[in-house]
Amino acid sequence: MSITETTYKCKKCGDEIPANTNKNLTSCKCGASAVDGCADYVRVIGDREDWKQWEVAGAEDVVKHLPPLTKEEVEHYEGL
């Protein structure tokens, strides 16, 4: 199962705000964009050219694209 999270990234300051803010209006550090959202809705505030929407991959998606561990790496991590 693919697990991703929708986020909004401010193009001015680079802050990332998740779409689900539990209905708490959350703004980026420069104030150019803000997000108010929950499981039912998302409201993005700010000029459309100042933010972008994107999907952030969850850990399960990232692991699929990692190369397998070498024998030395396996031995190292088993010894921790």
PDB file of N, CA and C in Angstrom:
ATOM      1  N   MET A   1       0.837  -1.182   0.000  1.00  0.00           N
ATOM      2  CA  MET A   1       0.000   0.000   0.000  1.00  0.00           C
ATOM      3  C   MET A   1       0.877   1.239   0.000  1.00  0.00           C
ATOM      4  N   SER A   2       0.596   2.149  -0.866  1.00  0.00           N
ATOM      5  CA  SER A   2       1.360   3.383  -0.974  1.00  0.00           C
ATOM      6  C   SER A   2       0.847   4.397   0.042  1.00  0.00           C
ATOM      7  N   ILE A   3       1.752   4.954   0.832  1.00  0.00           N
ATOM      8  CA  ILE A   3       1.370   5.950   1.821  1.00  0.00           C
ATOM      9  C   ILE A   3       2.052   7.261   1.457  1.00  0.00           C
ATOM     10  N   THR A   4       1.259   8.258   1.140  1.00  0.00           N
ATOM     11  CA  THR A   4       1.796   9.575   0.841  1.00  0.00           C
ATOM     12  C   THR A   4       1.023  10.614   1.630  1.00  0.00           C
ATOM     13  N   GLU A   5       1.610  11.773   1.758  1.00  0.00           N
ATOM     14  CA  GLU A   5       0.967  12.879   2.454  1.00  0.00           C
ATOM     15  C   GLU A   5       1.018  14.099   1.548  1.00  0.00           C
ATOM     16  N   THR A   6      -0.115  14.757   1.398  1.00  0.00           N
ATOM     17  CA  THR A   6      -0.153  15.981   0.616  1.00  0.00           C
ATOM     18  C   THR A   6       0.385  17.119   1.470  1.00  0.00           C
ATOM     19  N   THR A   7       1.315  17.868   0.905  1.00  0.00           N
ATOM     20  CA  THR A   7       1.852  19.035   1.588  1.00  0.00           C
ATOM     21  C   THR A   7       1.837  20.222   0.637  1.00  0.00           C
ATOM     22  N   TYR A   8       1.987  21.392   1.217  1.00  0.00           N
ATOM     23  CA  TYR A   8       2.064  22.628   0.445  1.00  0.00           C
ATOM     24  C   TYR A   8       3.378  23.295   0.809  1.00  0.00           C
ATOM     25  N   LYS A   9       4.155  23.643  -0.211  1.00  0.00           N
ATOM     26  CA  LYS A   9       5.478  24.220   0.011  1.00  0.00           C
ATOM     27  C   LYS A   9       5.490  25.665  -0.453  1.00  0.00           C
ATOM     28  N   CYS A  10       5.925  26.549   0.432  1.00  0.00           N
ATOM     29  CA  CYS A  10       6.043  27.960   0.086  1.00  0.00           C
ATOM     30  C   CYS A  10       7.247  28.139  -0.835  1.00  0.00           C
ATOM     31  N   LYS A  11       7.038  28.776  -1.970  1.00  0.00           N
ATOM     32  CA  LYS A  11       8.131  29.000  -2.919  1.00  0.00           C
ATOM     33  C   LYS A  11       9.051  30.129  -2.465  1.00  0.00           C
ATOM     34  N   LYS A  12       8.599  30.945  -1.526  1.00  0.00           N
ATOM     35  CA  LYS A  12       9.422  32.060  -1.049  1.00  0.00           C
ATOM     36  C   LYS A  12      10.393  31.636   0.052  1.00  0.00           C
ATOM     37  N   CYS A  13       9.894  30.896   1.057  1.00  0.00           N
ATOM     38  CA  CYS A  13      10.761  30.545   2.189  1.00  0.00           C
ATOM     39  C   CYS A  13      11.097  29.054   2.268  1.00  0.00           C
ATOM     40  N   GLY A  14      10.382  28.219   1.496  1.00  0.00           N
ATOM     41  CA  GLY A  14      10.670  26.787   1.485  1.00  0.00           C
ATOM     42  C   GLY A  14       9.979  25.978   2.564  1.00  0.00           C
ATOM     43  N   ASP A  15       9.213  26.628   3.436  1.00  0.00           N
ATOM     44  CA  ASP A  15       8.488  25.884   4.466  1.00  0.00           C
ATOM     45  C   ASP A  15       7.498  24.914   3.839  1.00  0.00           C
ATOM     46  N   GLU A  16       7.328  23.767   4.475  1.00  0.00           N
ATOM     47  CA  GLU A  16       6.353  22.774   4.038  1.00  0.00           C
ATOM     48  C   GLU A  16       5.275  22.660   5.109  1.00  0.00           C
ATOM     49  N   ILE A  17       4.020  22.725   4.674  1.00  0.00           N
ATOM     50  CA  ILE A  17       2.891  22.635   5.594  1.00  0.00           C
ATOM     51  C   ILE A  17       2.032  21.454   5.157  1.00  0.00           C
ATOM     52  N   PRO A  18       1.744  20.514   6.067  1.00  0.00           N
ATOM     53  CA  PRO A  18       0.894  19.386   5.680  1.00  0.00           C
ATOM     54  C   PRO A  18      -0.528  19.847   5.395  1.00  0.00           C
ATOM     55  N   ALA A  19      -1.218  19.119   4.527  1.00  0.00           N
ATOM     56  CA  ALA A  19      -2.603  19.469   4.196  1.00  0.00           C
ATOM     57  C   ALA A  19      -3.511  19.289   5.405  1.00  0.00           C
ATOM     58  N   ASN A  20      -3.248  18.280   6.212  1.00  0.00           N
ATOM     59  CA  ASN A  20      -4.075  18.047   7.392  1.00  0.00           C
ATOM     60  C   ASN A  20      -3.442  18.743   8.586  1.00  0.00           C
ATOM     61  N   THR A  21      -3.930  19.933   8.891  1.00  0.00           N
ATOM     62  CA  THR A  21      -3.432  20.709  10.028  1.00  0.00           C
ATOM     63  C   THR A  21      -4.378  20.595  11.219  1.00  0.00           C
ATOM     64  N   ASN A  22      -5.296  19.624  11.161  1.00  0.00           N
ATOM     65  CA  ASN A  22      -6.293  19.430  12.221  1.00  0.00           C
ATOM     66  C   ASN A  22      -7.096  20.698  12.485  1.00  0.00           C
ATOM     67  N   LYS A  23      -7.451  21.364  11.400  1.00  0.00           N
ATOM     68  CA  LYS A  23      -8.270  22.585  11.420  1.00  0.00           C
ATOM     69  C   LYS A  23      -7.590  23.756  12.115  1.00  0.00           C
ATOM     70  N   ASN A  24      -6.258  23.721  12.207  1.00  0.00           N
ATOM     71  CA  ASN A  24      -5.496  24.838  12.758  1.00  0.00           C
ATOM     72  C   ASN A  24      -4.838  25.574  11.604  1.00  0.00           C
ATOM     73  N   LEU A  25      -5.165  26.831  11.430  1.00  0.00           N
ATOM     74  CA  LEU A  25      -4.552  27.626  10.375  1.00  0.00           C
ATOM     75  C   LEU A  25      -3.057  27.706  10.651  1.00  0.00           C
ATOM     76  N   THR A  26      -2.257  27.210   9.713  1.00  0.00           N
ATOM     77  CA  THR A  26      -0.807  27.146   9.882  1.00  0.00           C
ATOM     78  C   THR A  26      -0.157  27.887   8.733  1.00  0.00           C
ATOM     79  N   SER A  27       0.671  28.888   9.058  1.00  0.00           N
ATOM     80  CA  SER A  27       1.321  29.662   8.000  1.00  0.00           C
ATOM     81  C   SER A  27       2.803  29.333   7.942  1.00  0.00           C
ATOM     82  N   CYS A  28       3.400  29.628   6.797  1.00  0.00           N
ATOM     83  CA  CYS A  28       4.843  29.443   6.639  1.00  0.00           C
ATOM     84  C   CYS A  28       5.548  30.561   7.407  1.00  0.00           C
ATOM     85  N   LYS A  29       6.877  30.440   7.562  1.00  0.00           N
ATOM     86  CA  LYS A  29       7.598  31.414   8.374  1.00  0.00           C
ATOM     87  C   LYS A  29       7.615  32.814   7.778  1.00  0.00           C
ATOM     88  N   CYS A  30       7.478  32.930   6.442  1.00  0.00           N
ATOM     89  CA  CYS A  30       7.476  34.270   5.840  1.00  0.00           C
ATOM     90  C   CYS A  30       6.066  34.847   5.709  1.00  0.00           C
ATOM     91  N   GLY A  31       5.036  34.025   5.954  1.00  0.00           N
ATOM     92  CA  GLY A  31       3.661  34.496   5.910  1.00  0.00           C
ATOM     93  C   GLY A  31       3.044  34.594   4.529  1.00  0.00           C
ATOM     94  N   ALA A  32       3.740  34.131   3.498  1.00  0.00           N
ATOM     95  CA  ALA A  32       3.211  34.224   2.131  1.00  0.00           C
ATOM     96  C   ALA A  32       2.105  33.210   1.864  1.00  0.00           C
ATOM     97  N   SER A  33       2.074  32.106   2.617  1.00  0.00           N
ATOM     98  CA  SER A  33       1.033  31.098   2.408  1.00  0.00           C
ATOM     99  C   SER A  33       0.659  30.463   3.740  1.00  0.00           C
ATOM    100  N   ALA A  34      -0.545  29.926   3.769  1.00  0.00           N
ATOM    101  CA  ALA A  34      -1.038  29.257   4.973  1.00  0.00           C
ATOM    102  C   ALA A  34      -1.993  28.150   4.554  1.00  0.00           C
ATOM    103  N   VAL A  35      -2.136  27.158   5.436  1.00  0.00           N
ATOM    104  CA  VAL A  35      -3.014  26.022   5.158  1.00  0.00           C
ATOM    105  C   VAL A  35      -3.915  25.802   6.367  1.00  0.00           C
ATOM    106  N   ASP A  36      -5.179  25.555   6.091  1.00  0.00           N
ATOM    107  CA  ASP A  36      -6.165  25.173   7.095  1.00  0.00           C
ATOM    108  C   ASP A  36      -6.826  23.920   6.547  1.00  0.00           C
ATOM    109  N   GLY A  37      -6.627  22.781   7.181  1.00  0.00           N
ATOM    110  CA  GLY A  37      -7.178  21.559   6.609  1.00  0.00           C
ATOM    111  C   GLY A  37      -7.437  20.474   7.626  1.00  0.00           C
ATOM    112  N   CYS A  38      -8.152  19.460   7.162  1.00  0.00           N
ATOM    113  CA  CYS A  38      -8.449  18.271   7.959  1.00  0.00           C
ATOM    114  C   CYS A  38      -8.714  17.136   6.973  1.00  0.00           C
ATOM    115  N   ALA A  39      -9.281  16.052   7.445  1.00  0.00           N
ATOM    116  CA  ALA A  39      -9.569  14.925   6.555  1.00  0.00           C
ATOM    117  C   ALA A  39     -10.662  15.260   5.546  1.00  0.00           C
ATOM    118  N   ASP A  40     -11.493  16.260   5.844  1.00  0.00           N
ATOM    119  CA  ASP A  40     -12.634  16.592   4.987  1.00  0.00           C
ATOM    120  C   ASP A  40     -12.380  17.721   3.994  1.00  0.00           C
ATOM    121  N   TYR A  41     -11.480  18.624   4.302  1.00  0.00           N
ATOM    122  CA  TYR A  41     -11.249  19.767   3.410  1.00  0.00           C
ATOM    123  C   TYR A  41      -9.836  20.312   3.584  1.00  0.00           C
ATOM    124  N   VAL A  42      -9.396  21.093   2.602  1.00  0.00           N
ATOM    125  CA  VAL A  42      -8.129  21.820   2.690  1.00  0.00           C
ATOM    126  C   VAL A  42      -8.354  23.204   2.095  1.00  0.00           C
ATOM    127  N   ARG A  43      -7.943  24.221   2.827  1.00  0.00           N
ATOM    128  CA  ARG A  43      -8.017  25.594   2.336  1.00  0.00           C
ATOM    129  C   ARG A  43      -6.595  26.147   2.337  1.00  0.00           C
ATOM    130  N   VAL A  44      -6.134  26.607   1.192  1.00  0.00           N
ATOM    131  CA  VAL A  44      -4.800  27.183   1.072  1.00  0.00           C
ATOM    132  C   VAL A  44      -4.963  28.685   0.870  1.00  0.00           C
ATOM    133  N   ILE A  45      -4.234  29.454   1.653  1.00  0.00           N
ATOM    134  CA  ILE A  45      -4.335  30.905   1.619  1.00  0.00           C
ATOM    135  C   ILE A  45      -3.020  31.470   1.097  1.00  0.00           C
ATOM    136  N   GLY A  46      -3.114  32.427   0.202  1.00  0.00           N
ATOM    137  CA  GLY A  46      -1.935  33.066  -0.378  1.00  0.00           C
ATOM    138  C   GLY A  46      -2.038  33.084  -1.884  1.00  0.00           C
ATOM    139  N   ASP A  47      -1.165  33.836  -2.516  1.00  0.00           N
ATOM    140  CA  ASP A  47      -1.147  33.897  -3.976  1.00  0.00           C
ATOM    141  C   ASP A  47      -0.741  32.541  -4.535  1.00  0.00           C
ATOM    142  N   ARG A  48      -1.452  32.080  -5.546  1.00  0.00           N
ATOM    143  CA  ARG A  48      -1.216  30.745  -6.120  1.00  0.00           C
ATOM    144  C   ARG A  48       0.224  30.573  -6.599  1.00  0.00           C
ATOM    145  N   GLU A  49       0.847  31.629  -7.067  1.00  0.00           N
ATOM    146  CA  GLU A  49       2.227  31.501  -7.549  1.00  0.00           C
ATOM    147  C   GLU A  49       3.250  31.407  -6.411  1.00  0.00           C
ATOM    148  N   ASP A  50       2.814  31.602  -5.163  1.00  0.00           N
ATOM    149  CA  ASP A  50       3.733  31.560  -4.024  1.00  0.00           C
ATOM    150  C   ASP A  50       3.834  30.185  -3.363  1.00  0.00           C
ATOM    151  N   TRP A  51       3.004  29.219  -3.761  1.00  0.00           N
ATOM    152  CA  TRP A  51       3.056  27.897  -3.146  1.00  0.00           C
ATOM    153  C   TRP A  51       2.833  26.816  -4.191  1.00  0.00           C
ATOM    154  N   LYS A  52       3.261  25.606  -3.840  1.00  0.00           N
ATOM    155  CA  LYS A  52       2.997  24.461  -4.721  1.00  0.00           C
ATOM    156  C   LYS A  52       2.541  23.285  -3.871  1.00  0.00           C
ATOM    157  N   GLN A  53       1.668  22.487  -4.448  1.00  0.00           N
ATOM    158  CA  GLN A  53       1.163  21.287  -3.788  1.00  0.00           C
ATOM    159  C   GLN A  53       2.002  20.109  -4.255  1.00  0.00           C
ATOM    160  N   TRP A  54       2.336  19.220  -3.341  1.00  0.00           N
ATOM    161  CA  TRP A  54       3.057  18.026  -3.741  1.00  0.00           C
ATOM    162  C   TRP A  54       2.794  16.894  -2.772  1.00  0.00           C
ATOM    163  N   GLU A  55       3.117  15.712  -3.216  1.00  0.00           N
ATOM    164  CA  GLU A  55       2.924  14.510  -2.415  1.00  0.00           C
ATOM    165  C   GLU A  55       4.277  14.068  -1.860  1.00  0.00           C
ATOM    166  N   VAL A  56       4.318  13.837  -0.570  1.00  0.00           N
ATOM    167  CA  VAL A  56       5.531  13.370   0.086  1.00  0.00           C
ATOM    168  C   VAL A  56       5.389  11.869   0.300  1.00  0.00           C
ATOM    169  N   ALA A  57       6.374  11.122  -0.150  1.00  0.00           N
ATOM    170  CA  ALA A  57       6.334   9.664  -0.017  1.00  0.00           C
ATOM    171  C   ALA A  57       6.535   9.262   1.429  1.00  0.00           C
ATOM    172  N   GLY A  58       5.797   8.249   1.835  1.00  0.00           N
ATOM    173  CA  GLY A  58       5.967   7.686   3.162  1.00  0.00           C
ATOM    174  C   GLY A  58       7.159   6.747   3.190  1.00  0.00           C
ATOM    175  N   ALA A  59       7.519   6.283   4.363  1.00  0.00           N
ATOM    176  CA  ALA A  59       8.699   5.429   4.521  1.00  0.00           C
ATOM    177  C   ALA A  59       8.612   4.160   3.681  1.00  0.00           C
ATOM    178  N   GLU A  60       7.419   3.568   3.571  1.00  0.00           N
ATOM    179  CA  GLU A  60       7.284   2.335   2.787  1.00  0.00           C
ATOM    180  C   GLU A  60       7.634   2.571   1.320  1.00  0.00           C
ATOM    181  N   ASP A  61       7.250   3.727   0.784  1.00  0.00           N
ATOM    182  CA  ASP A  61       7.555   4.041  -0.608  1.00  0.00           C
ATOM    183  C   ASP A  61       9.045   4.286  -0.813  1.00  0.00           C
ATOM    184  N   VAL A  62       9.670   4.936   0.153  1.00  0.00           N
ATOM    185  CA  VAL A  62      11.095   5.245   0.039  1.00  0.00           C
ATOM    186  C   VAL A  62      11.924   3.970   0.093  1.00  0.00           C
ATOM    187  N   VAL A  63      11.586   3.064   1.000  1.00  0.00           N
ATOM    188  CA  VAL A  63      12.347   1.822   1.173  1.00  0.00           C
ATOM    189  C   VAL A  63      12.364   0.995  -0.106  1.00  0.00           C
ATOM    190  N   LYS A  64      11.282   1.022  -0.870  1.00  0.00           N
ATOM    191  CA  LYS A  64      11.213   0.250  -2.116  1.00  0.00           C
ATOM    192  C   LYS A  64      12.315   0.639  -3.097  1.00  0.00           C
ATOM    193  N   HIS A  65      12.797   1.863  -3.017  1.00  0.00           N
ATOM    194  CA  HIS A  65      13.759   2.362  -3.994  1.00  0.00           C
ATOM    195  C   HIS A  65      15.199   2.381  -3.478  1.00  0.00           C
ATOM    196  N   LEU A  66      15.410   1.884  -2.272  1.00  0.00           N
ATOM    197  CA  LEU A  66      16.762   1.835  -1.729  1.00  0.00           C
ATOM    198  C   LEU A  66      17.477   0.581  -2.217  1.00  0.00           C
ATOM    199  N   PRO A  67      18.781   0.677  -2.442  1.00  0.00           N
ATOM    200  CA  PRO A  67      19.524  -0.531  -2.831  1.00  0.00           C
ATOM    201  C   PRO A  67      19.634  -1.470  -1.633  1.00  0.00           C
ATOM    202  N   PRO A  68      19.800  -2.760  -1.873  1.00  0.00           N
ATOM    203  CA  PRO A  68      19.939  -3.697  -0.752  1.00  0.00           C
ATOM    204  C   PRO A  68      21.228  -3.413   0.021  1.00  0.00           C
ATOM    205  N   LEU A  69      21.213  -3.749   1.307  1.00  0.00           N
ATOM    206  CA  LEU A  69      22.396  -3.553   2.135  1.00  0.00           C
ATOM    207  C   LEU A  69      23.495  -4.523   1.723  1.00  0.00           C
ATOM    208  N   THR A  70      24.730  -4.063   1.841  1.00  0.00           N
ATOM    209  CA  THR A  70      25.866  -4.950   1.600  1.00  0.00           C
ATOM    210  C   THR A  70      26.033  -5.864   2.811  1.00  0.00           C
ATOM    211  N   LYS A  71      26.832  -6.907   2.650  1.00  0.00           N
ATOM    212  CA  LYS A  71      27.086  -7.835   3.753  1.00  0.00           C
ATOM    213  C   LYS A  71      27.696  -7.094   4.939  1.00  0.00           C
ATOM    214  N   GLU A  72      28.617  -6.182   4.660  1.00  0.00           N
ATOM    215  CA  GLU A  72      29.269  -5.411   5.718  1.00  0.00           C
ATOM    216  C   GLU A  72      28.263  -4.531   6.459  1.00  0.00           C
ATOM    217  N   GLU A  73      27.338  -3.932   5.725  1.00  0.00           N
ATOM    218  CA  GLU A  73      26.324  -3.081   6.360  1.00  0.00           C
ATOM    219  C   GLU A  73      25.400  -3.912   7.247  1.00  0.00           C
ATOM    220  N   VAL A  74      25.009  -5.086   6.765  1.00  0.00           N
ATOM    221  CA  VAL A  74      24.150  -5.966   7.561  1.00  0.00           C
ATOM    222  C   VAL A  74      24.857  -6.341   8.857  1.00  0.00           C
ATOM    223  N   GLU A  75      26.121  -6.740   8.769  1.00  0.00           N
ATOM    224  CA  GLU A  75      26.881  -7.124   9.958  1.00  0.00           C
ATOM    225  C   GLU A  75      27.015  -5.951  10.919  1.00  0.00           C
ATOM    226  N   HIS A  76      27.231  -4.766  10.379  1.00  0.00           N
ATOM    227  CA  HIS A  76      27.354  -3.574  11.219  1.00  0.00           C
ATOM    228  C   HIS A  76      26.060  -3.326  11.995  1.00  0.00           C
ATOM    229  N   TYR A  77      24.928  -3.331  11.312  1.00  0.00           N
ATOM    230  CA  TYR A  77      23.654  -3.022  11.963  1.00  0.00           C
ATOM    231  C   TYR A  77      23.209  -4.121  12.918  1.00  0.00           C
ATOM    232  N   GLU A  78      23.564  -5.375  12.625  1.00  0.00           N
ATOM    233  CA  GLU A  78      23.228  -6.460  13.542  1.00  0.00           C
ATOM    234  C   GLU A  78      24.013  -6.336  14.840  1.00  0.00           C
ATOM    235  N   GLY A  79      25.181  -5.718  14.780  1.00  0.00           N
ATOM    236  CA  GLY A  79      26.018  -5.566  15.962  1.00  0.00           C
ATOM    237  C   GLY A  79      25.646  -4.386  16.842  1.00  0.00           C
ATOM    238  N   LEU A  80      24.697  -3.604  16.434  1.00  0.00           N
ATOM    239  CA  LEU A  80      24.309  -2.427  17.237  1.00  0.00           C
ATOM    240  C   LEU A  80      23.408  -2.786  18.388  1.00  0.00           C
TER     241      LEU A  80
END
